[in-house]
Amino acid sequence: MGSSKSGFDGDSASESYGGAATESDAEGDRDDGCPPALESSPFAEEEKVLAFHSLHIYEAKVKKIEYRLREWRYYVHYLGWSKNWDEWVGVDRLMKYTDENLQKQRELNNKQDAEKTTKPSRASHTKPKGSNVPRGKKRKNDSILKEKSALPSEKLVNIQIPPTLKKQLIDDCEFVTHLGKLVRLPRAPSVDDILKKYLDYRLKKDGIFLYQCRMADCVGEIMKGLRCYFDKALPVMLLYKSERQQYEETVVDDVDPSTIYGAEHLLRLFVKLPELLVYANIEEETLRELQHKLNDFLKFLQKNQSLFFLSAYTVREEIETSTNNLVD
């Protein structure tokens, strides 16, 4: 399963995200006021199902069920695989275990395996010395490779993305690039909200006198910097091609992307940050402190993953329909 994964969920969250909703008050976001009966869930606990994951369909078993943010979510175990791959998925990732769906599984998996074996190897792309590649283009490509290889590795910030967030990045890529889905905007909580929640989290964890010390100023400045980097980097390097039209339609009138987008796109920034920070001319001691704070922020994201991230994205047609209904 792991070898097929590569690369960087959809109603908006409830208004309770506007406060300081973190793991401690997660119960408030479960819609426990009038949750539907468990019998109305499309799938049952211990039911054998077929689960879509990273371009393949796998046999799985539903281990837990919950209803949160007005949608059913299922904790599945992939049969024959380590428990490390167990995860929460939305109903759109599951299919009933039927002969018809088993046939779909075979067809899709065979197709993906065939594409993998027929894909040209990297060696086949290597040009011989007598290559007819235009000199200008070749020099341009060489200069790009030299520029990338020239990055001083000792100055690269070592950002350690937790395994569960790496899987989040993989699912994010899969939803957008392969399933043609998008994150419904605006997101709640937004990037801005999440950064403020982290500041509140540090205040509660480190004590009331935190803001009287240098550490508070440091954390505050880092959060401001992250917000600035996100607003600048989003349209340039954090969007997939299929997301660009949505960006142009949503981010208008000088609105900051950090008030519109959420954790899904913020996490993508952390993949790019090491390269971006190389050119920031940061002193070594400050760099080490920054690295520690960024990794702590990622742990905070991981701790609140089920609150900050969507479990299912939305097809573009549904987004356009809901938008048109609002206009009407």
Protein backbone atom coordinates (compact mmCIF):
# COMPACT_ATOMS: atom_id res chain seq x y z
CA MET A 1 0.00 0.00 0.00
CA GLY A 2 2.73 2.37 0.97
CA SER A 3 4.66 2.14 -2.31
CA SER A 4 1.77 3.55 -4.31
CA LYS A 5 1.53 6.72 -2.23
CA SER A 6 3.08 10.01 -3.32
CA GLY A 7 2.40 13.78 -3.31
CA PHE A 8 1.48 16.60 -1.12
CA ASP A 9 -12.51 16.60 2.92
CA GLY A 10 -17.42 18.72 2.10
CA ASP A 11 -19.60 21.02 4.26
CA SER A 12 -18.02 23.94 6.05
CA ALA A 13 -17.36 23.39 9.72
CA SER A 14 -19.90 24.56 12.26
CA GLU A 15 -19.78 28.04 13.75
CA SER A 16 -18.36 26.65 16.97
CA TYR A 17 -14.98 26.75 15.25
CA GLY A 18 -15.10 30.51 15.61
CA GLY A 19 -14.09 30.10 19.25
CA ALA A 20 -11.08 28.35 20.69
CA ALA A 21 -12.28 24.86 19.80
CA THR A 22 -9.43 22.45 20.25
CA GLU A 23 -9.13 18.87 21.40
CA SER A 24 -10.25 19.77 24.89
CA ASP A 25 -13.72 20.87 23.76
CA ALA A 26 -14.07 18.51 20.82
CA GLU A 27 -17.33 17.20 22.21
CA GLY A 28 -18.97 20.49 21.29
CA ASP A 29 -18.36 19.82 17.60
CA ARG A 30 -19.91 16.37 17.44
CA ASP A 31 -23.43 17.56 16.75
CA ASP A 32 -24.56 15.51 19.73
CA GLY A 33 -27.73 17.60 19.98
CA CYS A 34 -29.66 15.23 17.72
CA PRO A 35 -27.30 12.77 16.03
CA PRO A 36 -28.94 10.30 13.65
CA ALA A 37 -29.52 6.73 14.77
CA LEU A 38 -26.56 4.45 14.26
CA GLU A 39 -28.80 2.17 12.19
CA SER A 40 -29.02 4.89 9.54
CA SER A 41 -25.29 4.69 8.86
CA PRO A 42 -24.56 3.25 5.39
CA PHE A 43 -21.96 0.94 6.95
CA ALA A 44 -21.85 -0.99 10.23
CA GLU A 45 -19.09 -1.79 12.70
CA GLU A 46 -17.11 -4.91 11.80
CA GLU A 47 -18.56 -4.79 8.28
CA LYS A 48 -16.21 -5.88 5.53
CA VAL A 49 -15.97 -3.17 2.89
CA LEU A 50 -13.93 -1.98 -0.06
CA ALA A 51 -11.97 1.19 0.57
CA PHE A 52 -10.50 3.58 -1.97
CA HIS A 53 -6.95 4.57 -1.09
CA SER A 54 -4.23 6.14 -3.22
CA LEU A 55 -5.52 5.11 -6.67
CA HIS A 56 -6.29 1.54 -5.53
CA ILE A 57 -9.22 -0.22 -3.87
CA TYR A 58 -8.45 -2.39 -0.84
CA GLU A 59 -10.42 -4.81 1.30
CA ALA A 60 -11.01 -3.30 4.73
CA LYS A 61 -13.09 -3.64 7.88
CA VAL A 62 -14.97 -0.88 9.70
CA LYS A 63 -13.74 -0.75 13.30
CA LYS A 64 -15.43 2.41 14.62
CA ILE A 65 -18.20 4.77 13.51
CA GLU A 66 -18.86 8.36 14.49
CA TYR A 67 -21.09 11.21 13.31
CA ARG A 68 -19.32 14.56 13.33
CA LEU A 69 -19.90 17.84 11.52
CA ARG A 70 -23.04 16.44 9.90
CA GLU A 71 -21.37 13.46 8.23
CA TRP A 72 -20.61 9.82 8.96
CA ARG A 73 -16.96 8.91 9.45
CA TYR A 74 -15.47 5.43 9.66
CA TYR A 75 -12.28 4.14 11.21
CA VAL A 76 -11.12 1.36 8.90
CA HIS A 77 -8.44 -1.31 9.03
CA TYR A 78 -7.00 -2.45 5.70
CA LEU A 79 -7.03 -6.26 5.72
CA GLY A 80 -3.56 -7.71 5.41
CA TRP A 81 -1.85 -4.42 6.25
CA SER A 82 -0.25 -3.04 9.39
CA LYS A 83 -2.45 -1.15 11.85
CA ASN A 84 -0.27 1.86 11.09
CA TRP A 85 -2.42 2.33 7.98
CA ASP A 86 -5.70 2.43 9.94
CA GLU A 87 -7.46 5.74 9.40
CA TRP A 88 -10.70 7.73 9.55
CA VAL A 89 -12.40 8.09 6.16
CA GLY A 90 -15.59 9.58 4.81
CA VAL A 91 -18.45 7.64 3.25
CA ASP A 92 -17.22 8.60 -0.24
CA ARG A 93 -14.12 6.45 0.28
CA LEU A 94 -16.07 3.23 0.94
CA MET A 95 -18.07 0.74 -1.13
CA LYS A 96 -20.17 -2.26 -0.19
CA TYR A 97 -18.43 -5.63 -0.46
CA THR A 98 -20.39 -6.98 -3.44
CA ASP A 99 -19.51 -8.96 -6.56
CA GLU A 100 -20.11 -5.87 -8.69
CA ASN A 101 -17.77 -3.73 -6.60
CA LEU A 102 -15.19 -6.50 -6.45
CA GLN A 103 -15.15 -6.40 -10.24
CA LYS A 104 -14.59 -2.63 -10.08
CA GLN A 105 -11.72 -3.27 -7.69
CA ARG A 106 -10.05 -5.72 -10.04
CA GLU A 107 -10.47 -3.42 -13.03
CA LEU A 108 -9.10 -0.35 -11.27
CA ASN A 109 -6.19 -2.13 -9.61
CA ASN A 110 -5.24 -3.88 -12.86
CA LYS A 111 -5.35 -0.54 -14.67
CA GLN A 112 -3.13 1.16 -12.11
CA ASP A 113 -0.66 -1.74 -12.08
CA ALA A 114 -0.52 -1.73 -15.87
CA GLU A 115 0.17 2.01 -15.98
CA LYS A 116 2.94 1.58 -13.44
CA THR A 117 4.68 -1.19 -15.41
CA THR A 118 4.38 0.59 -18.77
CA LYS A 119 5.53 3.95 -17.43
CA PRO A 120 8.94 4.74 -18.95
CA SER A 121 11.82 4.42 -16.56
CA ARG A 122 13.88 7.42 -15.60
CA ALA A 123 16.80 6.00 -17.59
CA SER A 124 14.77 6.13 -20.81
CA HIS A 125 14.51 9.89 -20.43
CA THR A 126 18.29 10.31 -20.32
CA LYS A 127 19.58 11.89 -23.51
CA PRO A 128 22.83 10.64 -25.11
CA LYS A 129 25.71 13.02 -25.69
CA GLY A 130 24.59 13.62 -29.25
CA SER A 131 21.18 14.76 -28.08
CA ASN A 132 19.20 17.09 -30.32
CA VAL A 133 17.85 19.06 -27.35
CA PRO A 134 18.11 22.78 -28.18
CA ARG A 135 21.13 24.35 -26.47
CA GLY A 136 19.10 27.15 -24.90
CA LYS A 137 16.59 24.79 -23.31
CA LYS A 138 19.32 22.43 -22.12
CA ARG A 139 21.23 25.27 -20.49
CA LYS A 140 18.06 26.48 -18.81
CA ASN A 141 17.35 23.04 -17.39
CA ASP A 142 20.96 22.72 -16.23
CA SER A 143 20.80 26.07 -14.47
CA ILE A 144 17.62 25.04 -12.63
CA LEU A 145 19.25 21.79 -11.48
CA LYS A 146 22.37 23.63 -10.34
CA GLU A 147 20.28 26.16 -8.45
CA LYS A 148 18.40 23.40 -6.61
CA SER A 149 21.57 21.46 -5.83
CA ALA A 150 23.24 24.64 -4.59
CA LEU A 151 20.83 24.99 -1.65
CA PRO A 152 22.97 24.90 1.51
CA SER A 153 21.68 21.76 3.24
CA GLU A 154 23.07 22.85 6.61
CA LYS A 155 20.75 25.86 6.53
CA LEU A 156 17.63 23.90 5.61
CA VAL A 157 15.14 23.85 8.48
CA ASN A 158 14.48 20.26 9.49
CA ILE A 159 10.69 20.22 9.56
CA GLN A 160 9.38 16.87 10.79
CA ILE A 161 5.86 16.31 9.50
CA PRO A 162 4.15 13.64 11.68
CA PRO A 163 3.11 10.42 9.86
CA THR A 164 -0.63 11.10 10.22
CA LEU A 165 -0.18 14.53 8.63
CA LYS A 166 1.86 12.99 5.81
CA LYS A 167 -1.11 10.73 5.13
CA GLN A 168 -3.28 13.87 5.20
CA LEU A 169 -1.11 15.35 2.44
CA ILE A 170 -1.41 12.17 0.39
CA ASP A 171 -5.21 12.08 0.73
CA ASP A 172 -5.32 15.80 -0.08
CA CYS A 173 -3.46 15.19 -3.34
CA GLU A 174 -5.69 12.23 -4.15
CA PHE A 175 -8.94 14.13 -3.58
CA VAL A 176 -7.91 17.09 -5.74
CA THR A 177 -5.84 15.60 -8.55
CA HIS A 178 -7.45 12.18 -9.02
CA LEU A 179 -11.03 12.55 -7.78
CA GLY A 180 -11.51 16.10 -9.09
CA LYS A 181 -12.74 17.42 -5.74
CA LEU A 182 -12.12 20.74 -3.98
CA VAL A 183 -12.08 22.11 -0.45
CA ARG A 184 -15.28 24.08 0.10
CA LEU A 185 -14.41 27.71 0.81
CA PRO A 186 -14.38 29.64 3.02
CA ARG A 187 -12.95 27.21 5.56
CA ALA A 188 -13.65 27.27 9.27
CA PRO A 189 -11.39 27.37 11.07
CA SER A 190 -9.30 29.45 8.68
CA VAL A 191 -5.53 29.59 8.68
CA ASP A 192 -5.83 32.83 10.65
CA ASP A 193 -8.03 31.11 13.25
CA ILE A 194 -5.65 28.17 13.62
CA LEU A 195 -2.63 30.42 14.19
CA LYS A 196 -4.56 32.29 16.91
CA LYS A 197 -5.64 29.01 18.50
CA TYR A 198 -2.00 27.95 18.68
CA LEU A 199 -1.09 31.18 20.49
CA ASP A 200 -3.90 30.53 22.98
CA TYR A 201 -2.68 26.95 23.37
CA ARG A 202 0.86 28.11 24.19
CA LEU A 203 -0.49 30.64 26.71
CA LYS A 204 -2.47 27.96 28.56
CA LYS A 205 0.39 25.48 28.44
CA ASP A 206 3.24 27.81 29.47
CA GLY A 207 1.41 29.92 32.03
CA ILE A 208 -0.19 33.33 32.35
CA PHE A 209 3.18 35.12 32.44
CA LEU A 210 4.10 33.83 28.98
CA TYR A 211 3.30 37.15 27.31
CA GLN A 212 5.72 38.94 29.63
CA CYS A 213 8.71 37.04 28.33
CA ARG A 214 10.67 36.82 25.13
CA MET A 215 9.12 33.45 24.27
CA ALA A 216 5.70 35.03 23.77
CA ASP A 217 7.11 37.61 21.38
CA CYS A 218 8.97 34.84 19.55
CA VAL A 219 5.88 32.67 19.08
CA GLY A 220 3.80 35.67 18.05
CA GLU A 221 6.35 36.73 15.44
CA ILE A 222 6.59 33.21 14.05
CA MET A 223 2.81 33.03 13.66
CA LYS A 224 2.82 36.40 11.88
CA GLY A 225 5.59 35.13 9.63
CA LEU A 226 3.69 31.94 8.83
CA ARG A 227 0.62 33.97 7.93
CA CYS A 228 2.67 36.21 5.64
CA TYR A 229 4.41 33.27 3.97
CA PHE A 230 1.05 31.55 3.45
CA ASP A 231 -0.61 34.60 1.88
CA LYS A 232 2.30 35.09 -0.51
CA ALA A 233 2.99 31.44 -1.33
CA LEU A 234 -0.58 30.16 -1.82
CA PRO A 235 -1.21 31.48 -5.36
CA VAL A 236 2.36 30.77 -6.44
CA MET A 237 3.13 27.27 -5.19
CA LEU A 238 0.41 25.84 -2.92
CA LEU A 239 -2.42 25.33 -5.41
CA TYR A 240 -3.04 22.47 -7.80
CA LYS A 241 -4.01 23.47 -11.32
CA SER A 242 -7.64 22.45 -10.78
CA GLU A 243 -7.87 24.76 -7.76
CA ARG A 244 -6.76 27.97 -9.50
CA GLN A 245 -10.19 28.96 -10.83
CA GLN A 246 -11.67 28.56 -7.34
CA TYR A 247 -8.93 30.80 -5.97
CA GLU A 248 -9.58 33.52 -8.55
CA GLU A 249 -13.32 33.41 -7.82
CA THR A 250 -12.92 33.45 -4.03
CA VAL A 251 -9.92 35.62 -3.16
CA VAL A 252 -11.12 39.02 -4.39
CA ASP A 253 -11.03 42.65 -3.20
CA ASP A 254 -7.62 42.27 -1.51
CA VAL A 255 -8.90 39.56 0.84
CA ASP A 256 -6.06 37.66 2.53
CA PRO A 257 -6.02 33.94 1.63
CA SER A 258 -5.31 33.12 5.28
CA THR A 259 -8.87 34.24 6.14
CA ILE A 260 -10.41 32.01 3.42
CA TYR A 261 -8.33 28.81 3.33
CA GLY A 262 -7.81 26.31 6.14
CA ALA A 263 -5.55 23.57 7.49
CA GLU A 264 -5.52 21.59 4.22
CA HIS A 265 -3.61 24.31 2.37
CA LEU A 266 -1.63 25.43 5.42
CA LEU A 267 -0.12 21.96 5.72
CA ARG A 268 1.11 22.17 2.12
CA LEU A 269 3.15 25.23 3.11
CA PHE A 270 5.25 23.12 5.49
CA VAL A 271 6.44 21.02 2.55
CA LYS A 272 7.84 24.16 0.91
CA LEU A 273 9.07 26.04 3.99
CA PRO A 274 12.61 24.56 4.17
CA GLU A 275 13.40 25.85 0.68
CA LEU A 276 11.74 29.22 1.28
CA LEU A 277 13.56 29.87 4.57
CA VAL A 278 16.98 29.32 3.00
CA TYR A 279 16.73 32.76 1.45
CA ALA A 280 15.52 34.47 4.65
CA ASN A 281 19.06 35.13 5.96
CA ILE A 282 18.30 33.82 9.46
CA GLU A 283 21.04 33.41 12.07
CA GLU A 284 21.89 29.85 13.09
CA GLU A 285 20.66 30.19 16.68
CA THR A 286 17.38 31.77 15.53
CA LEU A 287 17.03 29.03 12.92
CA ARG A 288 17.24 26.33 15.58
CA GLU A 289 14.62 28.09 17.68
CA LEU A 290 12.39 28.51 14.63
CA GLN A 291 12.75 24.84 13.78
CA HIS A 292 11.66 23.84 17.29
CA LYS A 293 8.60 26.13 17.20
CA LEU A 294 7.52 24.95 13.73
CA ASN A 295 7.74 21.30 14.74
CA ASP A 296 5.75 22.09 17.90
CA PHE A 297 3.10 23.78 15.74
CA LEU A 298 2.87 20.64 13.57
CA LYS A 299 2.31 18.55 16.72
CA PHE A 300 -0.53 20.95 17.60
CA LEU A 301 -2.05 20.39 14.14
CA GLN A 302 -1.74 16.64 14.60
CA LYS A 303 -3.33 16.78 18.05
CA ASN A 304 -6.35 18.60 16.60
CA GLN A 305 -6.35 16.90 13.20
CA SER A 306 -9.95 15.72 13.37
CA LEU A 307 -11.10 19.28 14.18
CA PHE A 308 -8.97 21.27 11.77
CA PHE A 309 -9.05 19.05 8.65
CA LEU A 310 -11.97 17.94 6.48
CA SER A 311 -12.51 14.21 6.05
CA ALA A 312 -14.13 14.62 2.63
CA TYR A 313 -13.86 17.19 -0.15
CA THR A 314 -16.65 18.38 -2.47
CA VAL A 315 -17.09 18.02 -6.22
CA ARG A 316 -16.96 21.34 -8.02
CA GLU A 317 -20.51 21.02 -9.38
CA GLU A 318 -21.91 20.90 -5.82
CA ILE A 319 -19.92 23.99 -4.84
CA GLU A 320 -21.20 25.91 -7.88
CA THR A 321 -24.80 24.82 -7.23
CA SER A 322 -24.72 25.92 -3.58
CA THR A 323 -23.14 29.23 -4.59
CA ASN A 324 -25.82 29.86 -7.23
CA ASN A 325 -28.56 29.11 -4.68
CA LEU A 326 -27.09 31.71 -2.35
CA VAL A 327 -27.04 34.27 -5.16
CA ASP A 328 -30.61 33.50 -6.14
